[in-house]
Amino acid sequence: MCDGPVLQLFRPEELELLVCGSPNLDFEALERSTHYDDGYTKDSETIQRFWRVVHALCEQDKATPSARSLPALSQLPSPRLVKDWVGGS
């Protein structure tokens, strides 16, 4: 177990947030701040389909990705992989 004076600076819930991240993911903010490359833009059909799928997920699936939701949603993929999931070209 980790121990040391610096850990006393944080409450347990603050340490959990630092180690695990927020359980509430803001996909609207993620979409607004996403930058695309390899010829993709926010208006690309593949990207539009991807965000429709993401926004359609229920709040529980967004907070705790599972086998029923997109693979590794907590680590969003590059747009090149998105086209395989949503049928883009």
N, C-alpha and C. Protein backbone atom coordinates (compact mmCIF):
# COMPACT_ATOMS: atom_id res chain seq x y z
N MET A 1 0.85 -1.18 0.00
CA MET A 1 0.00 0.00 0.00
C MET A 1 0.89 1.24 0.00
N CYS A 2 0.48 2.24 -0.72
CA CYS A 2 1.23 3.50 -0.78
C CYS A 2 1.01 4.30 0.48
N ASP A 3 2.05 4.96 0.90
CA ASP A 3 1.94 5.80 2.09
C ASP A 3 2.96 6.93 1.94
N GLY A 4 2.69 8.01 2.59
CA GLY A 4 3.61 9.13 2.55
C GLY A 4 2.88 10.41 2.88
N PRO A 5 3.63 11.46 3.19
CA PRO A 5 3.01 12.72 3.61
C PRO A 5 2.15 13.37 2.52
N VAL A 6 2.49 13.16 1.26
CA VAL A 6 1.71 13.80 0.20
C VAL A 6 0.29 13.25 0.14
N LEU A 7 0.10 11.98 0.50
CA LEU A 7 -1.24 11.39 0.48
C LEU A 7 -2.17 12.05 1.49
N GLN A 8 -1.61 12.62 2.53
CA GLN A 8 -2.43 13.28 3.54
C GLN A 8 -3.01 14.60 3.04
N LEU A 9 -2.55 15.05 1.88
CA LEU A 9 -3.10 16.27 1.30
C LEU A 9 -4.46 16.06 0.66
N PHE A 10 -4.81 14.80 0.42
CA PHE A 10 -6.04 14.48 -0.30
C PHE A 10 -7.02 13.71 0.57
N ARG A 11 -8.32 13.96 0.33
CA ARG A 11 -9.37 13.14 0.92
C ARG A 11 -9.47 11.86 0.08
N PRO A 12 -10.01 10.78 0.64
CA PRO A 12 -10.10 9.52 -0.12
C PRO A 12 -10.82 9.67 -1.46
N GLU A 13 -11.92 10.45 -1.50
CA GLU A 13 -12.65 10.60 -2.75
C GLU A 13 -11.85 11.40 -3.79
N GLU A 14 -10.97 12.28 -3.33
CA GLU A 14 -10.10 13.02 -4.26
C GLU A 14 -9.04 12.09 -4.87
N LEU A 15 -8.48 11.21 -4.03
CA LEU A 15 -7.51 10.23 -4.55
C LEU A 15 -8.16 9.28 -5.56
N GLU A 16 -9.37 8.86 -5.25
CA GLU A 16 -10.08 7.98 -6.18
C GLU A 16 -10.28 8.67 -7.52
N LEU A 17 -10.66 9.94 -7.50
CA LEU A 17 -10.85 10.69 -8.73
C LEU A 17 -9.54 10.82 -9.51
N LEU A 18 -8.45 11.06 -8.81
CA LEU A 18 -7.14 11.17 -9.47
C LEU A 18 -6.70 9.85 -10.10
N VAL A 19 -6.95 8.75 -9.40
CA VAL A 19 -6.49 7.44 -9.87
C VAL A 19 -7.44 6.86 -10.92
N CYS A 20 -8.75 6.96 -10.67
CA CYS A 20 -9.73 6.29 -11.52
C CYS A 20 -10.36 7.19 -12.57
N GLY A 21 -10.30 8.49 -12.37
CA GLY A 21 -10.99 9.41 -13.27
C GLY A 21 -12.43 9.57 -12.88
N SER A 22 -13.09 10.46 -13.56
CA SER A 22 -14.50 10.76 -13.26
C SER A 22 -15.41 9.67 -13.80
N PRO A 23 -16.38 9.24 -13.00
CA PRO A 23 -17.34 8.25 -13.50
C PRO A 23 -18.37 8.87 -14.43
N ASN A 24 -18.46 10.20 -14.43
CA ASN A 24 -19.42 10.92 -15.28
C ASN A 24 -18.68 11.54 -16.46
N LEU A 25 -18.85 10.92 -17.61
CA LEU A 25 -18.14 11.37 -18.79
C LEU A 25 -19.00 12.36 -19.58
N ASP A 26 -18.44 13.49 -19.95
CA ASP A 26 -19.16 14.53 -20.68
C ASP A 26 -18.87 14.38 -22.17
N PHE A 27 -19.73 13.63 -22.86
CA PHE A 27 -19.51 13.37 -24.27
C PHE A 27 -19.81 14.57 -25.14
N GLU A 28 -20.66 15.47 -24.67
CA GLU A 28 -20.90 16.72 -25.41
C GLU A 28 -19.61 17.53 -25.46
N ALA A 29 -18.94 17.66 -24.32
CA ALA A 29 -17.67 18.40 -24.27
C ALA A 29 -16.60 17.69 -25.09
N LEU A 30 -16.58 16.37 -25.03
CA LEU A 30 -15.61 15.61 -25.81
C LEU A 30 -15.82 15.84 -27.31
N GLU A 31 -17.06 15.82 -27.73
CA GLU A 31 -17.35 16.05 -29.15
C GLU A 31 -16.92 17.46 -29.56
N ARG A 32 -17.21 18.46 -28.73
CA ARG A 32 -16.83 19.84 -29.06
C ARG A 32 -15.32 20.03 -29.14
N SER A 33 -14.57 19.28 -28.33
CA SER A 33 -13.12 19.50 -28.26
C SER A 33 -12.31 18.53 -29.12
N THR A 34 -12.97 17.62 -29.82
CA THR A 34 -12.28 16.63 -30.64
C THR A 34 -11.72 17.27 -31.89
N HIS A 35 -10.47 16.93 -32.20
CA HIS A 35 -9.81 17.37 -33.43
C HIS A 35 -9.59 16.14 -34.29
N TYR A 36 -9.90 16.24 -35.56
CA TYR A 36 -9.83 15.10 -36.46
C TYR A 36 -8.63 15.23 -37.39
N ASP A 37 -8.15 14.07 -37.88
CA ASP A 37 -7.07 14.09 -38.86
C ASP A 37 -7.33 13.03 -39.91
N ASP A 38 -6.36 12.79 -40.74
CA ASP A 38 -6.46 11.80 -41.83
C ASP A 38 -7.65 12.07 -42.76
N GLY A 39 -7.97 13.34 -42.95
CA GLY A 39 -9.05 13.70 -43.86
C GLY A 39 -10.43 13.74 -43.25
N TYR A 40 -10.57 13.37 -41.98
CA TYR A 40 -11.86 13.41 -41.32
C TYR A 40 -12.13 14.82 -40.79
N THR A 41 -13.41 15.20 -40.79
CA THR A 41 -13.85 16.45 -40.19
C THR A 41 -15.08 16.15 -39.35
N LYS A 42 -15.54 17.15 -38.60
CA LYS A 42 -16.74 16.93 -37.78
C LYS A 42 -17.96 16.64 -38.65
N ASP A 43 -17.90 17.00 -39.94
CA ASP A 43 -19.01 16.78 -40.86
C ASP A 43 -18.89 15.48 -41.66
N SER A 44 -17.81 14.73 -41.47
CA SER A 44 -17.65 13.45 -42.17
C SER A 44 -18.76 12.49 -41.74
N GLU A 45 -19.30 11.74 -42.70
CA GLU A 45 -20.40 10.83 -42.39
C GLU A 45 -20.02 9.83 -41.30
N THR A 46 -18.82 9.30 -41.35
CA THR A 46 -18.36 8.34 -40.35
C THR A 46 -18.36 8.97 -38.96
N ILE A 47 -17.88 10.19 -38.87
CA ILE A 47 -17.82 10.89 -37.58
C ILE A 47 -19.23 11.18 -37.08
N GLN A 48 -20.11 11.62 -37.96
CA GLN A 48 -21.50 11.89 -37.57
C GLN A 48 -22.16 10.62 -37.03
N ARG A 49 -21.93 9.50 -37.70
CA ARG A 49 -22.50 8.23 -37.24
C ARG A 49 -21.92 7.84 -35.87
N PHE A 50 -20.62 8.02 -35.72
CA PHE A 50 -19.98 7.69 -34.45
C PHE A 50 -20.63 8.46 -33.30
N TRP A 51 -20.77 9.78 -33.46
CA TRP A 51 -21.33 10.57 -32.36
C TRP A 51 -22.80 10.24 -32.12
N ARG A 52 -23.55 9.86 -33.16
CA ARG A 52 -24.94 9.44 -32.94
C ARG A 52 -24.97 8.19 -32.06
N VAL A 53 -24.06 7.26 -32.32
CA VAL A 53 -24.00 6.04 -31.50
C VAL A 53 -23.61 6.38 -30.07
N VAL A 54 -22.58 7.20 -29.90
CA VAL A 54 -22.12 7.56 -28.56
C VAL A 54 -23.24 8.24 -27.78
N HIS A 55 -23.92 9.20 -28.40
CA HIS A 55 -24.96 9.94 -27.69
C HIS A 55 -26.20 9.09 -27.42
N ALA A 56 -26.37 8.02 -28.19
CA ALA A 56 -27.51 7.13 -27.98
C ALA A 56 -27.32 6.20 -26.78
N LEU A 57 -26.07 6.04 -26.35
CA LEU A 57 -25.82 5.17 -25.19
C LEU A 57 -26.51 5.74 -23.96
N CYS A 58 -27.02 4.87 -23.15
CA CYS A 58 -27.64 5.35 -21.92
C CYS A 58 -26.56 5.85 -20.95
N GLU A 59 -26.92 6.65 -19.99
CA GLU A 59 -25.97 7.23 -19.04
C GLU A 59 -25.16 6.15 -18.32
N GLN A 60 -25.77 5.04 -17.98
CA GLN A 60 -25.05 3.97 -17.29
C GLN A 60 -23.94 3.41 -18.17
N ASP A 61 -24.24 3.20 -19.44
CA ASP A 61 -23.23 2.67 -20.35
C ASP A 61 -22.09 3.66 -20.54
N LYS A 62 -22.38 4.95 -20.53
CA LYS A 62 -21.33 5.95 -20.67
C LYS A 62 -20.41 5.94 -19.46
N ALA A 63 -20.99 5.79 -18.27
CA ALA A 63 -20.20 5.84 -17.04
C ALA A 63 -19.40 4.56 -16.82
N THR A 64 -19.97 3.43 -17.18
CA THR A 64 -19.29 2.16 -16.97
C THR A 64 -19.38 1.32 -18.23
N PRO A 65 -18.45 1.49 -19.15
CA PRO A 65 -18.48 0.73 -20.39
C PRO A 65 -18.51 -0.78 -20.12
N SER A 66 -19.23 -1.47 -20.95
CA SER A 66 -19.34 -2.92 -20.80
C SER A 66 -19.26 -3.57 -22.18
N ALA A 67 -19.37 -4.86 -22.20
CA ALA A 67 -19.32 -5.58 -23.47
C ALA A 67 -20.49 -5.18 -24.37
N ARG A 68 -21.58 -4.67 -23.78
CA ARG A 68 -22.73 -4.26 -24.58
C ARG A 68 -22.50 -2.93 -25.26
N SER A 69 -21.60 -2.11 -24.74
CA SER A 69 -21.36 -0.81 -25.34
C SER A 69 -20.16 -0.88 -26.27
N LEU A 70 -19.77 0.25 -26.80
CA LEU A 70 -18.62 0.27 -27.70
C LEU A 70 -17.38 -0.23 -26.99
N PRO A 71 -16.53 -0.96 -27.67
CA PRO A 71 -15.30 -1.46 -27.04
C PRO A 71 -14.44 -0.32 -26.51
N ALA A 72 -13.95 -0.47 -25.30
CA ALA A 72 -13.00 0.47 -24.70
C ALA A 72 -13.45 1.91 -24.83
N LEU A 73 -14.69 2.17 -24.49
CA LEU A 73 -15.23 3.53 -24.62
C LEU A 73 -14.46 4.52 -23.77
N SER A 74 -13.86 4.05 -22.68
CA SER A 74 -13.10 4.96 -21.84
C SER A 74 -11.83 5.45 -22.53
N GLN A 75 -11.41 4.77 -23.61
CA GLN A 75 -10.28 5.20 -24.41
C GLN A 75 -10.75 5.27 -25.85
N LEU A 76 -11.33 6.36 -26.24
CA LEU A 76 -11.94 6.48 -27.55
C LEU A 76 -10.90 6.30 -28.65
N PRO A 77 -11.28 5.62 -29.71
CA PRO A 77 -10.36 5.28 -30.78
C PRO A 77 -10.19 6.40 -31.79
N SER A 78 -9.27 6.17 -32.69
CA SER A 78 -9.10 7.11 -33.80
C SER A 78 -10.27 6.95 -34.75
N PRO A 79 -10.56 7.99 -35.54
CA PRO A 79 -11.67 7.88 -36.50
C PRO A 79 -11.51 6.74 -37.49
N ARG A 80 -10.27 6.30 -37.75
CA ARG A 80 -10.06 5.19 -38.67
C ARG A 80 -10.74 3.93 -38.16
N LEU A 81 -10.74 3.71 -36.86
CA LEU A 81 -11.38 2.53 -36.30
C LEU A 81 -12.89 2.70 -36.19
N VAL A 82 -13.33 3.94 -36.05
CA VAL A 82 -14.76 4.21 -35.90
C VAL A 82 -15.54 3.71 -37.10
N LYS A 83 -14.98 3.88 -38.30
CA LYS A 83 -15.74 3.48 -39.50
C LYS A 83 -16.07 2.00 -39.48
N ASP A 84 -15.24 1.17 -38.86
CA ASP A 84 -15.54 -0.25 -38.77
C ASP A 84 -16.74 -0.52 -37.87
N TRP A 85 -16.89 0.31 -36.84
CA TRP A 85 -17.99 0.11 -35.88
C TRP A 85 -19.33 0.58 -36.44
N VAL A 86 -19.30 1.68 -37.19
CA VAL A 86 -20.57 2.29 -37.61
C VAL A 86 -20.85 2.11 -39.10
N GLY A 87 -20.01 1.36 -39.78
CA GLY A 87 -20.28 1.05 -41.17
C GLY A 87 -19.94 2.15 -42.14
N GLY A 88 -19.03 3.04 -41.80
CA GLY A 88 -18.64 4.10 -42.71
C GLY A 88 -17.67 3.60 -43.75
N SER A 89 -17.41 4.45 -44.72
CA SER A 89 -16.46 4.04 -45.76
C SER A 89 -15.20 4.90 -45.69
